[in-house]
């Protein structure tokens, strides 16, 4: 593993332990050249996924990009980072187990919205505002009316 600080190829593992409920291995490493310490994670990847964008462009699936978008939606919300990590890991497992190597971005967006709805409703609305491309306040009102109708008990 290359040191992210000095690019030296010689790093040593100082500590390894399971992470993400056993879905990954967390390793603490140190660089023999500059002495820096850093953490790496190893995850099982069942298959190489490709995201098919709405314009039919294809890009390699990036778990970190998915995590960043979820974290942006959850910014300043009282959600435990471990719950966020579990949600993203579960989402990636679902994508990998679909049996397809090419996944439409729309499918990923819907799965993220489903996951955020169960984590935090404010984050769900934030993500939806970008995902569904809200242009004005009326778009928020209509979306909130829709989710309020779905979540309200029948009379």
Foldseek 3Di string as FASTA:
>chain_A
DADPPPRDPDKDWDDWDAPLVNQKIKTWIAHPPPGDIDIDIGGDDLDWAWEQEPVRDIDTDDLVVVLVLLCVLCPPHPFDVSLSSNLSVVLNVVVRVVPDRYHYVVVSLVSSLVSVVVGDVSSSLVSCCVVVVDDDVVVSVVVVVVVCVVPDDDD
